[in-house]
Amino acid sequence: MSKSLIEYRTGFQQTLLRWLWRQWSTLGVAGTSPIETQNVIDPEALLFFTCALGRWEPRLFDEVLDWLSTNGRLLNGPRLKRLLHDSEFSAGRVVAAVCSVLPKTGCRLDWKIGPVEPGPEEALFYGADCRPLPDYGARDPEFLEHGFLRGRLELRHYSKPPDPARPACLWLTLRSLFGINCRAEIMLYLLTNASGYPSQIARDTGYTQRNIQDVMVDLAASGQLRTTRTGREVQYRLASPLWKTLLAGAKEPPSWVIWPPVLRALEMVWLRLCDEKLGALSESGQASELFLLIQRIRPLLGRSDLGHVLTPESHGLGADYHATFMRDL
């Protein structure tokens, strides 16, 4: 792999890990200072992304497990399963291992993600050079059952519950209020968007359209939603602006971001940059692979209205595509 691409990979990794630390700190993980972001945090998508990228940051990985031991009940198990299937995150086996560990930490879950696929034993953590880190001390039996080698898990129990005053925590705040069900997601969507169709809300939140449709009909019957029919589709919006004042406080609600495709795209990029086969190619071969990688993630970013950040495909593969790739990412 070229020296410039190795240096870029290092910087890209550091950027992603800093971002992960800030996201989890905002949710209550003990670590770096939280951020006052206006982007709502998607807990399930963030967990999948962390179970992939966090393997390069063992301390963050274990602090997230610490947070889950206290707040894991706020996760939506069925939604985790749907995201794993629909978004094709790579860390299904790691998430399954994490879910099997949580009951041992005192976290009560009424759902479980079973092993995704059996696989050979491998190190759980990696170093900055993308090589496996050797496990240390006695191996953790729960992770070993899922094929991952690591030392025994020891939690510090420093994590805190999400702060309802932080706009970025609104997703979890609404779950505390409405329960772990699609009502919380519907209210979140309508608080952060002017209106929405059931099919659109289902697609963007990771639910089935039937579930969303049935619940929205019930919510509309309460008089707290207004409807507008366009052809065969019914558009819904909150009936009163007081909902935003009540649920978001004096601050504006956070911005809505469709996180799963964005984080899956970044995950794909990171895993490709760590692939030894990419490093074995010539510079022109690497450029071709990076160009193809960008074409694969382009539709994912487009789903979150971020496709414009990439150089148009019509510009093609030039001699300096390494620079184009680095600039875009």
C-alpha atoms as a PDB file:
ATOM      1  CA  MET A   1       0.000   0.000   0.000  1.00  0.00           C
ATOM      2  CA  SER A   2       1.328   3.445  -0.890  1.00  0.00           C
ATOM      3  CA  LYS A   3       2.743   5.568   1.926  1.00  0.00           C
ATOM      4  CA  SER A   4       0.158   8.285   1.310  1.00  0.00           C
ATOM      5  CA  LEU A   5      -2.717   5.798   1.571  1.00  0.00           C
ATOM      6  CA  ILE A   6      -1.285   4.319   4.787  1.00  0.00           C
ATOM      7  CA  GLU A   7      -0.995   7.814   6.274  1.00  0.00           C
ATOM      8  CA  TYR A   8      -4.519   8.579   5.127  1.00  0.00           C
ATOM      9  CA  ARG A   9      -5.822   5.345   6.675  1.00  0.00           C
ATOM     10  CA  THR A  10      -4.253   6.323   9.993  1.00  0.00           C
ATOM     11  CA  GLY A  11      -5.834   9.774   9.925  1.00  0.00           C
ATOM     12  CA  PHE A  12      -9.191   8.367   8.803  1.00  0.00           C
ATOM     13  CA  GLN A  13      -9.141   5.870  11.676  1.00  0.00           C
ATOM     14  CA  GLN A  14      -8.349   8.579  14.216  1.00  0.00           C
ATOM     15  CA  THR A  15     -11.162  10.757  12.890  1.00  0.00           C
ATOM     16  CA  LEU A  16     -13.719   7.944  13.101  1.00  0.00           C
ATOM     17  CA  LEU A  17     -12.646   6.913  16.608  1.00  0.00           C
ATOM     18  CA  ARG A  18     -12.735  10.499  17.899  1.00  0.00           C
ATOM     19  CA  TRP A  19     -16.240  10.832  16.466  1.00  0.00           C
ATOM     20  CA  LEU A  20     -17.308   7.570  18.147  1.00  0.00           C
ATOM     21  CA  TRP A  21     -15.940   8.716  21.506  1.00  0.00           C
ATOM     22  CA  ARG A  22     -17.867  11.975  21.244  1.00  0.00           C
ATOM     23  CA  GLN A  23     -21.104  10.251  20.243  1.00  0.00           C
ATOM     24  CA  TRP A  24     -20.981   7.791  23.129  1.00  0.00           C
ATOM     25  CA  SER A  25     -19.860  10.453  25.602  1.00  0.00           C
ATOM     26  CA  THR A  26     -22.925  12.453  24.619  1.00  0.00           C
ATOM     27  CA  LEU A  27     -25.041   9.404  25.491  1.00  0.00           C
ATOM     28  CA  GLY A  28     -23.348   9.006  28.878  1.00  0.00           C
ATOM     29  CA  VAL A  29     -20.151   6.990  28.388  1.00  0.00           C
ATOM     30  CA  ALA A  30     -17.296   8.066  30.664  1.00  0.00           C
ATOM     31  CA  GLY A  31     -14.574   9.446  28.447  1.00  0.00           C
ATOM     32  CA  THR A  32     -14.033  12.512  26.316  1.00  0.00           C
ATOM     33  CA  SER A  33     -16.185  15.592  26.592  1.00  0.00           C
ATOM     34  CA  PRO A  34     -19.666  15.229  25.085  1.00  0.00           C
ATOM     35  CA  ILE A  35     -20.669  17.369  22.133  1.00  0.00           C
ATOM     36  CA  GLU A  36     -23.655  19.646  21.682  1.00  0.00           C
ATOM     37  CA  THR A  37     -24.584  18.248  18.312  1.00  0.00           C
ATOM     38  CA  GLN A  38     -27.869  18.974  16.574  1.00  0.00           C
ATOM     39  CA  ASN A  39     -27.850  15.556  14.907  1.00  0.00           C
ATOM     40  CA  VAL A  40     -29.987  12.982  16.686  1.00  0.00           C
ATOM     41  CA  ILE A  41     -28.025   9.842  17.636  1.00  0.00           C
ATOM     42  CA  ASP A  42     -29.317   6.496  16.364  1.00  0.00           C
ATOM     43  CA  PRO A  43     -28.366   4.020  19.144  1.00  0.00           C
ATOM     44  CA  GLU A  44     -28.725   0.779  17.158  1.00  0.00           C
ATOM     45  CA  ALA A  45     -26.804   1.998  14.109  1.00  0.00           C
ATOM     46  CA  LEU A  46     -24.144   3.454  16.411  1.00  0.00           C
ATOM     47  CA  LEU A  47     -23.774   0.110  18.199  1.00  0.00           C
ATOM     48  CA  PHE A  48     -23.252  -1.796  14.943  1.00  0.00           C
ATOM     49  CA  PHE A  49     -20.691   0.754  13.761  1.00  0.00           C
ATOM     50  CA  THR A  50     -18.911   0.649  17.124  1.00  0.00           C
ATOM     51  CA  CYS A  51     -18.766  -3.154  17.140  1.00  0.00           C
ATOM     52  CA  ALA A  52     -16.859  -2.893  13.859  1.00  0.00           C
ATOM     53  CA  LEU A  53     -14.640   0.172  14.398  1.00  0.00           C
ATOM     54  CA  GLY A  54     -14.358  -0.260  18.173  1.00  0.00           C
ATOM     55  CA  ARG A  55     -12.242  -3.343  17.588  1.00  0.00           C
ATOM     56  CA  TRP A  56      -9.422  -0.854  16.891  1.00  0.00           C
ATOM     57  CA  GLU A  57     -10.046   0.933  20.232  1.00  0.00           C
ATOM     58  CA  PRO A  58     -10.378  -1.621  23.081  1.00  0.00           C
ATOM     59  CA  ARG A  59     -10.958   1.033  25.750  1.00  0.00           C
ATOM     60  CA  LEU A  60     -13.899   2.517  23.858  1.00  0.00           C
ATOM     61  CA  PHE A  61     -15.294  -0.959  23.179  1.00  0.00           C
ATOM     62  CA  ASP A  62     -15.334  -1.824  26.882  1.00  0.00           C
ATOM     63  CA  GLU A  63     -16.709   1.571  27.924  1.00  0.00           C
ATOM     64  CA  VAL A  64     -19.601   1.011  25.521  1.00  0.00           C
ATOM     65  CA  LEU A  65     -20.231  -2.366  27.173  1.00  0.00           C
ATOM     66  CA  ASP A  66     -20.187  -0.513  30.497  1.00  0.00           C
ATOM     67  CA  TRP A  67     -22.835   1.900  29.154  1.00  0.00           C
ATOM     68  CA  LEU A  68     -24.923  -1.000  27.856  1.00  0.00           C
ATOM     69  CA  SER A  69     -24.817  -2.702  31.256  1.00  0.00           C
ATOM     70  CA  THR A  70     -26.670   0.345  32.612  1.00  0.00           C
ATOM     71  CA  ASN A  71     -28.705   1.480  29.622  1.00  0.00           C
ATOM     72  CA  GLY A  72     -28.994  -1.576  27.367  1.00  0.00           C
ATOM     73  CA  ARG A  73     -32.704  -1.867  28.179  1.00  0.00           C
ATOM     74  CA  LEU A  74     -33.208   1.214  25.969  1.00  0.00           C
ATOM     75  CA  LEU A  75     -32.050  -0.656  22.878  1.00  0.00           C
ATOM     76  CA  ASN A  76     -34.663  -2.021  20.507  1.00  0.00           C
ATOM     77  CA  GLY A  77     -33.829  -5.692  19.894  1.00  0.00           C
ATOM     78  CA  PRO A  78     -36.177  -6.244  16.922  1.00  0.00           C
ATOM     79  CA  ARG A  79     -34.811  -3.101  15.273  1.00  0.00           C
ATOM     80  CA  LEU A  80     -31.250  -4.368  15.778  1.00  0.00           C
ATOM     81  CA  LYS A  81     -32.202  -7.542  13.934  1.00  0.00           C
ATOM     82  CA  ARG A  82     -33.820  -5.622  11.090  1.00  0.00           C
ATOM     83  CA  LEU A  83     -30.814  -3.330  10.694  1.00  0.00           C
ATOM     84  CA  LEU A  84     -28.494  -6.324  10.624  1.00  0.00           C
ATOM     85  CA  HIS A  85     -30.546  -7.836   7.826  1.00  0.00           C
ATOM     86  CA  ASP A  86     -31.374  -4.713   5.837  1.00  0.00           C
ATOM     87  CA  SER A  87     -28.205  -2.634   6.224  1.00  0.00           C
ATOM     88  CA  GLU A  88     -25.789  -5.595   6.091  1.00  0.00           C
ATOM     89  CA  PHE A  89     -23.508  -4.315   8.842  1.00  0.00           C
ATOM     90  CA  SER A  90     -20.442  -6.521   9.147  1.00  0.00           C
ATOM     91  CA  ALA A  91     -20.373  -6.817  12.952  1.00  0.00           C
ATOM     92  CA  GLY A  92     -23.302  -9.172  13.456  1.00  0.00           C
ATOM     93  CA  ARG A  93     -21.173 -11.776  15.236  1.00  0.00           C
ATOM     94  CA  VAL A  94     -19.665  -9.162  17.538  1.00  0.00           C
ATOM     95  CA  VAL A  95     -23.090  -7.714  18.394  1.00  0.00           C
ATOM     96  CA  ALA A  96     -24.343 -11.240  19.138  1.00  0.00           C
ATOM     97  CA  ALA A  97     -21.390 -11.725  21.510  1.00  0.00           C
ATOM     98  CA  VAL A  98     -22.098  -8.386  23.192  1.00  0.00           C
ATOM     99  CA  CYS A  99     -25.767  -9.269  23.668  1.00  0.00           C
ATOM    100  CA  SER A 100     -24.826 -12.590  25.263  1.00  0.00           C
ATOM    101  CA  VAL A 101     -22.484 -10.785  27.679  1.00  0.00           C
ATOM    102  CA  LEU A 102     -25.007  -8.145  28.821  1.00  0.00           C
ATOM    103  CA  PRO A 103     -27.117 -10.379  31.088  1.00  0.00           C
ATOM    104  CA  LYS A 104     -23.908 -11.311  32.955  1.00  0.00           C
ATOM    105  CA  THR A 105     -23.361  -7.604  33.701  1.00  0.00           C
ATOM    106  CA  GLY A 106     -26.772  -7.182  35.323  1.00  0.00           C
ATOM    107  CA  CYS A 107     -28.508  -5.758  32.268  1.00  0.00           C
ATOM    108  CA  ARG A 108     -31.949  -7.302  31.781  1.00  0.00           C
ATOM    109  CA  LEU A 109     -32.937  -7.825  28.153  1.00  0.00           C
ATOM    110  CA  ASP A 110     -36.177  -9.300  26.869  1.00  0.00           C
ATOM    111  CA  TRP A 111     -34.606 -10.064  23.485  1.00  0.00           C
ATOM    112  CA  LYS A 112     -31.513 -11.759  22.155  1.00  0.00           C
ATOM    113  CA  ILE A 113     -29.506 -11.835  18.967  1.00  0.00           C
ATOM    114  CA  GLY A 114     -28.209 -15.318  18.342  1.00  0.00           C
ATOM    115  CA  PRO A 115     -24.936 -16.164  16.607  1.00  0.00           C
ATOM    116  CA  VAL A 116     -25.084 -14.844  13.056  1.00  0.00           C
ATOM    117  CA  GLU A 117     -22.695 -17.353  11.513  1.00  0.00           C
ATOM    118  CA  PRO A 118     -20.196 -19.671  13.177  1.00  0.00           C
ATOM    119  CA  GLY A 119     -16.639 -18.741  12.389  1.00  0.00           C
ATOM    120  CA  PRO A 120     -13.062 -19.641  13.311  1.00  0.00           C
ATOM    121  CA  GLU A 121     -11.524 -18.197  16.450  1.00  0.00           C
ATOM    122  CA  GLU A 122      -9.993 -14.774  15.929  1.00  0.00           C
ATOM    123  CA  ALA A 123      -8.643 -11.892  17.961  1.00  0.00           C
ATOM    124  CA  LEU A 124     -11.315  -9.397  18.929  1.00  0.00           C
ATOM    125  CA  PHE A 125      -9.032  -6.356  18.857  1.00  0.00           C
ATOM    126  CA  TYR A 126      -6.635  -4.896  16.282  1.00  0.00           C
ATOM    127  CA  GLY A 127      -3.734  -2.495  16.406  1.00  0.00           C
ATOM    128  CA  ALA A 128      -3.303   0.702  14.408  1.00  0.00           C
ATOM    129  CA  ASP A 129      -1.511  -1.320  11.711  1.00  0.00           C
ATOM    130  CA  CYS A 130      -4.671  -3.443  11.272  1.00  0.00           C
ATOM    131  CA  ARG A 131      -2.926  -6.526  12.637  1.00  0.00           C
ATOM    132  CA  PRO A 132      -4.643  -8.607  15.378  1.00  0.00           C
ATOM    133  CA  LEU A 133      -3.648  -7.795  18.937  1.00  0.00           C
ATOM    134  CA  PRO A 134      -2.705 -10.820  21.060  1.00  0.00           C
ATOM    135  CA  ASP A 135      -5.208 -11.641  23.787  1.00  0.00           C
ATOM    136  CA  TYR A 136      -4.017 -11.185  27.344  1.00  0.00           C
ATOM    137  CA  GLY A 137      -4.580 -13.055  30.594  1.00  0.00           C
ATOM    138  CA  ALA A 138      -7.464 -15.463  31.035  1.00  0.00           C
ATOM    139  CA  ARG A 139      -9.818 -15.453  28.057  1.00  0.00           C
ATOM    140  CA  ASP A 140     -13.368 -14.186  28.406  1.00  0.00           C
ATOM    141  CA  PRO A 141     -15.647 -17.246  28.095  1.00  0.00           C
ATOM    142  CA  GLU A 142     -18.667 -15.382  26.678  1.00  0.00           C
ATOM    143  CA  PHE A 143     -16.706 -13.908  23.802  1.00  0.00           C
ATOM    144  CA  LEU A 144     -14.866 -17.193  23.294  1.00  0.00           C
ATOM    145  CA  GLU A 145     -18.217 -18.929  22.711  1.00  0.00           C
ATOM    146  CA  HIS A 146     -18.690 -16.618  19.731  1.00  0.00           C
ATOM    147  CA  GLY A 147     -15.162 -17.230  18.429  1.00  0.00           C
ATOM    148  CA  PHE A 148     -13.460 -14.050  19.733  1.00  0.00           C
ATOM    149  CA  LEU A 149     -10.260 -14.055  21.779  1.00  0.00           C
ATOM    150  CA  ARG A 150      -9.895 -11.372  24.421  1.00  0.00           C
ATOM    151  CA  GLY A 151      -9.088 -11.004  28.114  1.00  0.00           C
ATOM    152  CA  ARG A 152     -11.802 -11.158  30.746  1.00  0.00           C
ATOM    153  CA  LEU A 153     -14.206  -8.240  30.699  1.00  0.00           C
ATOM    154  CA  GLU A 154     -14.019  -5.962  33.739  1.00  0.00           C
ATOM    155  CA  LEU A 155     -16.429  -3.022  33.807  1.00  0.00           C
ATOM    156  CA  ARG A 156     -15.801   0.195  35.732  1.00  0.00           C
ATOM    157  CA  HIS A 157     -19.499   1.172  36.052  1.00  0.00           C
ATOM    158  CA  TYR A 158     -18.795   4.852  35.412  1.00  0.00           C
ATOM    159  CA  SER A 159     -21.393   5.298  32.672  1.00  0.00           C
ATOM    160  CA  LYS A 160     -24.453   7.485  33.196  1.00  0.00           C
ATOM    161  CA  PRO A 161     -27.962   7.453  31.714  1.00  0.00           C
ATOM    162  CA  PRO A 162     -28.525   9.670  28.651  1.00  0.00           C
ATOM    163  CA  ASP A 163     -29.169  13.297  29.577  1.00  0.00           C
ATOM    164  CA  PRO A 164     -32.702  14.241  28.410  1.00  0.00           C
ATOM    165  CA  ALA A 165     -31.586  17.873  28.167  1.00  0.00           C
ATOM    166  CA  ARG A 166     -29.273  17.018  25.265  1.00  0.00           C
ATOM    167  CA  PRO A 167     -31.047  17.213  21.881  1.00  0.00           C
ATOM    168  CA  ALA A 168     -28.858  14.432  20.460  1.00  0.00           C
ATOM    169  CA  CYS A 169     -30.260  12.025  23.093  1.00  0.00           C
ATOM    170  CA  LEU A 170     -33.874  12.611  22.045  1.00  0.00           C
ATOM    171  CA  TRP A 171     -34.260   9.132  20.508  1.00  0.00           C
ATOM    172  CA  LEU A 172     -33.543   7.438  23.841  1.00  0.00           C
ATOM    173  CA  THR A 173     -35.476  10.070  25.801  1.00  0.00           C
ATOM    174  CA  LEU A 174     -38.595   9.289  23.788  1.00  0.00           C
ATOM    175  CA  ARG A 175     -38.125   5.577  24.386  1.00  0.00           C
ATOM    176  CA  SER A 176     -38.070   6.234  28.117  1.00  0.00           C
ATOM    177  CA  LEU A 177     -41.352   8.102  27.699  1.00  0.00           C
ATOM    178  CA  PHE A 178     -43.236   5.984  25.132  1.00  0.00           C
ATOM    179  CA  GLY A 179     -41.536   2.598  25.554  1.00  0.00           C
ATOM    180  CA  ILE A 180     -39.295   0.529  23.311  1.00  0.00           C
ATOM    181  CA  ASN A 181     -41.599   0.474  20.323  1.00  0.00           C
ATOM    182  CA  CYS A 182     -42.231   2.294  17.073  1.00  0.00           C
ATOM    183  CA  ARG A 183     -44.294   5.029  18.775  1.00  0.00           C
ATOM    184  CA  ALA A 184     -41.054   6.568  19.986  1.00  0.00           C
ATOM    185  CA  GLU A 185     -39.582   6.458  16.471  1.00  0.00           C
ATOM    186  CA  ILE A 186     -42.731   7.954  14.902  1.00  0.00           C
ATOM    187  CA  MET A 187     -42.750  10.833  17.382  1.00  0.00           C
ATOM    188  CA  LEU A 188     -39.026  11.386  16.835  1.00  0.00           C
ATOM    189  CA  TYR A 189     -39.505  11.541  13.081  1.00  0.00           C
ATOM    190  CA  LEU A 190     -42.417  13.988  13.290  1.00  0.00           C
ATOM    191  CA  LEU A 191     -40.532  16.146  15.797  1.00  0.00           C
ATOM    192  CA  THR A 192     -37.527  16.406  13.478  1.00  0.00           C
ATOM    193  CA  ASN A 193     -39.418  16.617  10.162  1.00  0.00           C
ATOM    194  CA  ALA A 194     -42.348  18.747   9.105  1.00  0.00           C
ATOM    195  CA  SER A 195     -44.379  15.683   8.111  1.00  0.00           C
ATOM    196  CA  GLY A 196     -44.027  12.152   6.791  1.00  0.00           C
ATOM    197  CA  TYR A 197     -45.681   9.250   5.021  1.00  0.00           C
ATOM    198  CA  PRO A 198     -45.870   5.862   6.805  1.00  0.00           C
ATOM    199  CA  SER A 199     -43.838   4.226   4.018  1.00  0.00           C
ATOM    200  CA  GLN A 200     -41.169   6.913   4.308  1.00  0.00           C
ATOM    201  CA  ILE A 201     -41.037   6.764   8.108  1.00  0.00           C
ATOM    202  CA  ALA A 202     -40.837   2.956   8.028  1.00  0.00           C
ATOM    203  CA  ARG A 203     -37.958   3.015   5.541  1.00  0.00           C
ATOM    204  CA  ASP A 204     -36.009   5.699   7.392  1.00  0.00           C
ATOM    205  CA  THR A 205     -36.465   4.235  10.890  1.00  0.00           C
ATOM    206  CA  GLY A 206     -36.038   0.541  10.061  1.00  0.00           C
ATOM    207  CA  TYR A 207     -39.561  -0.730  10.683  1.00  0.00           C
ATOM    208  CA  THR A 208     -42.113  -2.494   8.522  1.00  0.00           C
ATOM    209  CA  GLN A 209     -44.652  -0.244   6.840  1.00  0.00           C
ATOM    210  CA  ARG A 210     -47.536  -2.220   8.333  1.00  0.00           C
ATOM    211  CA  ASN A 211     -46.341  -1.580  11.895  1.00  0.00           C
ATOM    212  CA  ILE A 212     -45.858   2.131  11.280  1.00  0.00           C
ATOM    213  CA  GLN A 213     -49.168   2.478   9.418  1.00  0.00           C
ATOM    214  CA  ASP A 214     -51.231   0.836  12.167  1.00  0.00           C
ATOM    215  CA  VAL A 215     -49.668   2.879  14.969  1.00  0.00           C
ATOM    216  CA  MET A 216     -49.999   6.171  13.054  1.00  0.00           C
ATOM    217  CA  VAL A 217     -53.698   5.506  12.502  1.00  0.00           C
ATOM    218  CA  ASP A 218     -54.058   5.036  16.271  1.00  0.00           C
ATOM    219  CA  LEU A 219     -52.082   8.211  16.996  1.00  0.00           C
ATOM    220  CA  ALA A 220     -54.205  10.184  14.538  1.00  0.00           C
ATOM    221  CA  ALA A 221     -57.350   8.945  16.306  1.00  0.00           C
ATOM    222  CA  SER A 222     -56.081  10.742  19.435  1.00  0.00           C
ATOM    223  CA  GLY A 223     -56.375  14.067  17.621  1.00  0.00           C
ATOM    224  CA  GLN A 224     -52.674  14.801  18.076  1.00  0.00           C
ATOM    225  CA  LEU A 225     -51.784  14.191  14.421  1.00  0.00           C
ATOM    226  CA  ARG A 226     -53.137  15.909  11.338  1.00  0.00           C
ATOM    227  CA  THR A 227     -53.451  14.140   8.003  1.00  0.00           C
ATOM    228  CA  THR A 228     -53.323  15.198   4.368  1.00  0.00           C
ATOM    229  CA  ARG A 229     -54.177  12.773   1.589  1.00  0.00           C
ATOM    230  CA  THR A 230     -52.164  12.848  -1.637  1.00  0.00           C
ATOM    231  CA  GLY A 231     -53.506  10.243  -4.027  1.00  0.00           C
ATOM    232  CA  ARG A 232     -53.457   6.945  -2.154  1.00  0.00           C
ATOM    233  CA  GLU A 233     -50.932   8.064   0.468  1.00  0.00           C
ATOM    234  CA  VAL A 234     -51.688   9.854   3.708  1.00  0.00           C
ATOM    235  CA  GLN A 235     -49.210  12.369   5.064  1.00  0.00           C
ATOM    236  CA  TYR A 236     -49.026  12.943   8.819  1.00  0.00           C
ATOM    237  CA  ARG A 237     -47.812  15.869  10.912  1.00  0.00           C
ATOM    238  CA  LEU A 238     -48.041  16.885  14.557  1.00  0.00           C
ATOM    239  CA  ALA A 239     -51.241  18.779  15.286  1.00  0.00           C
ATOM    240  CA  SER A 240     -49.663  21.254  17.692  1.00  0.00           C
ATOM    241  CA  PRO A 241     -46.239  22.921  17.915  1.00  0.00           C
ATOM    242  CA  LEU A 242     -46.520  22.472  21.671  1.00  0.00           C
ATOM    243  CA  TRP A 243     -45.262  18.905  21.228  1.00  0.00           C
ATOM    244  CA  LYS A 244     -41.863  20.266  20.236  1.00  0.00           C
ATOM    245  CA  THR A 245     -41.822  22.562  23.244  1.00  0.00           C
ATOM    246  CA  LEU A 246     -42.865  19.741  25.570  1.00  0.00           C
ATOM    247  CA  LEU A 247     -40.517  17.042  24.277  1.00  0.00           C
ATOM    248  CA  ALA A 248     -37.546  19.079  23.075  1.00  0.00           C
ATOM    249  CA  GLY A 249     -37.656  21.776  25.750  1.00  0.00           C
ATOM    250  CA  ALA A 250     -36.556  25.313  25.011  1.00  0.00           C
ATOM    251  CA  LYS A 251     -34.107  24.089  22.395  1.00  0.00           C
ATOM    252  CA  GLU A 252     -34.926  23.173  18.837  1.00  0.00           C
ATOM    253  CA  PRO A 253     -35.284  19.434  18.191  1.00  0.00           C
ATOM    254  CA  PRO A 254     -32.156  17.834  16.740  1.00  0.00           C
ATOM    255  CA  SER A 255     -31.695  17.335  13.013  1.00  0.00           C
ATOM    256  CA  TRP A 256     -32.903  14.061  11.529  1.00  0.00           C
ATOM    257  CA  VAL A 257     -30.169  11.936   9.939  1.00  0.00           C
ATOM    258  CA  ILE A 258     -30.688   8.513   8.353  1.00  0.00           C
ATOM    259  CA  TRP A 259     -27.629   7.034  10.036  1.00  0.00           C
ATOM    260  CA  PRO A 260     -27.593   3.318   9.054  1.00  0.00           C
ATOM    261  CA  PRO A 261     -26.576   3.786   5.392  1.00  0.00           C
ATOM    262  CA  VAL A 262     -24.026   6.483   6.302  1.00  0.00           C
ATOM    263  CA  LEU A 263     -22.347   4.346   8.946  1.00  0.00           C
ATOM    264  CA  ARG A 264     -22.477   1.243   6.751  1.00  0.00           C
ATOM    265  CA  ALA A 265     -20.751   3.218   3.978  1.00  0.00           C
ATOM    266  CA  LEU A 266     -17.992   4.393   6.343  1.00  0.00           C
ATOM    267  CA  GLU A 267     -17.628   0.856   7.679  1.00  0.00           C
ATOM    268  CA  MET A 268     -17.180  -0.487   4.145  1.00  0.00           C
ATOM    269  CA  VAL A 269     -14.488   2.095   3.447  1.00  0.00           C
ATOM    270  CA  TRP A 270     -12.618   1.372   6.653  1.00  0.00           C
ATOM    271  CA  LEU A 271     -12.644  -2.404   6.223  1.00  0.00           C
ATOM    272  CA  ARG A 272     -11.424  -2.064   2.626  1.00  0.00           C
ATOM    273  CA  LEU A 273      -8.574   0.195   3.686  1.00  0.00           C
ATOM    274  CA  CYS A 274      -7.519  -2.505   6.173  1.00  0.00           C
ATOM    275  CA  ASP A 275      -7.657  -5.276   3.584  1.00  0.00           C
ATOM    276  CA  GLU A 276      -4.186  -6.720   2.908  1.00  0.00           C
ATOM    277  CA  LYS A 277      -5.258  -7.536  -0.663  1.00  0.00           C
ATOM    278  CA  LEU A 278      -5.691  -3.822  -1.367  1.00  0.00           C
ATOM    279  CA  GLY A 279      -2.193  -3.116  -0.104  1.00  0.00           C
ATOM    280  CA  ALA A 280      -0.716  -5.772  -2.406  1.00  0.00           C
ATOM    281  CA  LEU A 281      -1.984  -4.028  -5.557  1.00  0.00           C
ATOM    282  CA  SER A 282      -0.076  -1.520  -7.660  1.00  0.00           C
ATOM    283  CA  GLU A 283      -0.999   2.156  -7.284  1.00  0.00           C
ATOM    284  CA  SER A 284      -3.131   2.012 -10.412  1.00  0.00           C
ATOM    285  CA  GLY A 285      -4.794  -1.171  -9.122  1.00  0.00           C
ATOM    286  CA  GLN A 286      -5.487   0.500  -5.796  1.00  0.00           C
ATOM    287  CA  ALA A 287      -6.990   3.508  -7.562  1.00  0.00           C
ATOM    288  CA  SER A 288      -9.341   1.232  -9.515  1.00  0.00           C
ATOM    289  CA  GLU A 289     -10.433  -0.548  -6.337  1.00  0.00           C
ATOM    290  CA  LEU A 290     -11.034   2.741  -4.530  1.00  0.00           C
ATOM    291  CA  PHE A 291     -13.072   4.025  -7.472  1.00  0.00           C
ATOM    292  CA  LEU A 292     -15.244   0.893  -7.378  1.00  0.00           C
ATOM    293  CA  LEU A 293     -15.588   1.235  -3.603  1.00  0.00           C
ATOM    294  CA  ILE A 294     -16.913   4.768  -3.976  1.00  0.00           C
ATOM    295  CA  GLN A 295     -19.454   3.582  -6.542  1.00  0.00           C
ATOM    296  CA  ARG A 296     -20.670   0.958  -4.060  1.00  0.00           C
ATOM    297  CA  ILE A 297     -21.170   3.455  -1.249  1.00  0.00           C
ATOM    298  CA  ARG A 298     -22.642   6.194  -3.454  1.00  0.00           C
ATOM    299  CA  PRO A 299     -26.230   4.819  -3.229  1.00  0.00           C
ATOM    300  CA  LEU A 300     -25.894   4.479   0.557  1.00  0.00           C
ATOM    301  CA  LEU A 301     -24.894   8.104   0.982  1.00  0.00           C
ATOM    302  CA  GLY A 302     -27.627   9.078  -1.465  1.00  0.00           C
ATOM    303  CA  ARG A 303     -30.214   7.543   0.855  1.00  0.00           C
ATOM    304  CA  SER A 304     -29.174  10.079   3.495  1.00  0.00           C
ATOM    305  CA  ASP A 305     -28.953  12.990   1.041  1.00  0.00           C
ATOM    306  CA  LEU A 306     -25.150  12.985   1.257  1.00  0.00           C
ATOM    307  CA  GLY A 307     -24.393  11.811  -2.259  1.00  0.00           C
ATOM    308  CA  HIS A 308     -23.392  15.349  -3.207  1.00  0.00           C
ATOM    309  CA  VAL A 309     -20.217  15.120  -1.084  1.00  0.00           C
ATOM    310  CA  LEU A 310     -18.704  12.680  -3.590  1.00  0.00           C
ATOM    311  CA  THR A 311     -17.053  13.684  -6.858  1.00  0.00           C
ATOM    312  CA  PRO A 312     -19.532  12.944  -9.689  1.00  0.00           C
ATOM    313  CA  GLU A 313     -19.117   9.506 -11.225  1.00  0.00           C
ATOM    314  CA  SER A 314     -18.934  11.110 -14.664  1.00  0.00           C
ATOM    315  CA  HIS A 315     -15.485  12.502 -13.785  1.00  0.00           C
ATOM    316  CA  GLY A 316     -14.231   8.928 -14.088  1.00  0.00           C
ATOM    317  CA  LEU A 317     -11.032   7.334 -12.873  1.00  0.00           C
ATOM    318  CA  GLY A 318      -8.115   9.700 -13.329  1.00  0.00           C
ATOM    319  CA  ALA A 319      -4.441   9.272 -12.647  1.00  0.00           C
ATOM    320  CA  ASP A 320      -4.793  11.210  -9.402  1.00  0.00           C
ATOM    321  CA  TYR A 321      -7.822   9.294  -8.120  1.00  0.00           C
ATOM    322  CA  HIS A 322      -6.100   8.642  -4.779  1.00  0.00           C
ATOM    323  CA  ALA A 323      -6.310  12.377  -4.090  1.00  0.00           C
ATOM    324  CA  THR A 324      -9.965  12.488  -5.188  1.00  0.00           C
ATOM    325  CA  PHE A 325     -10.821   9.569  -2.902  1.00  0.00           C
ATOM    326  CA  MET A 326      -9.091  11.120   0.105  1.00  0.00           C
ATOM    327  CA  ARG A 327     -10.682  14.500  -0.478  1.00  0.00           C
ATOM    328  CA  ASP A 328     -14.189  13.034  -0.795  1.00  0.00           C
ATOM    329  CA  LEU A 329     -13.970  10.879   2.333  1.00  0.00           C
END
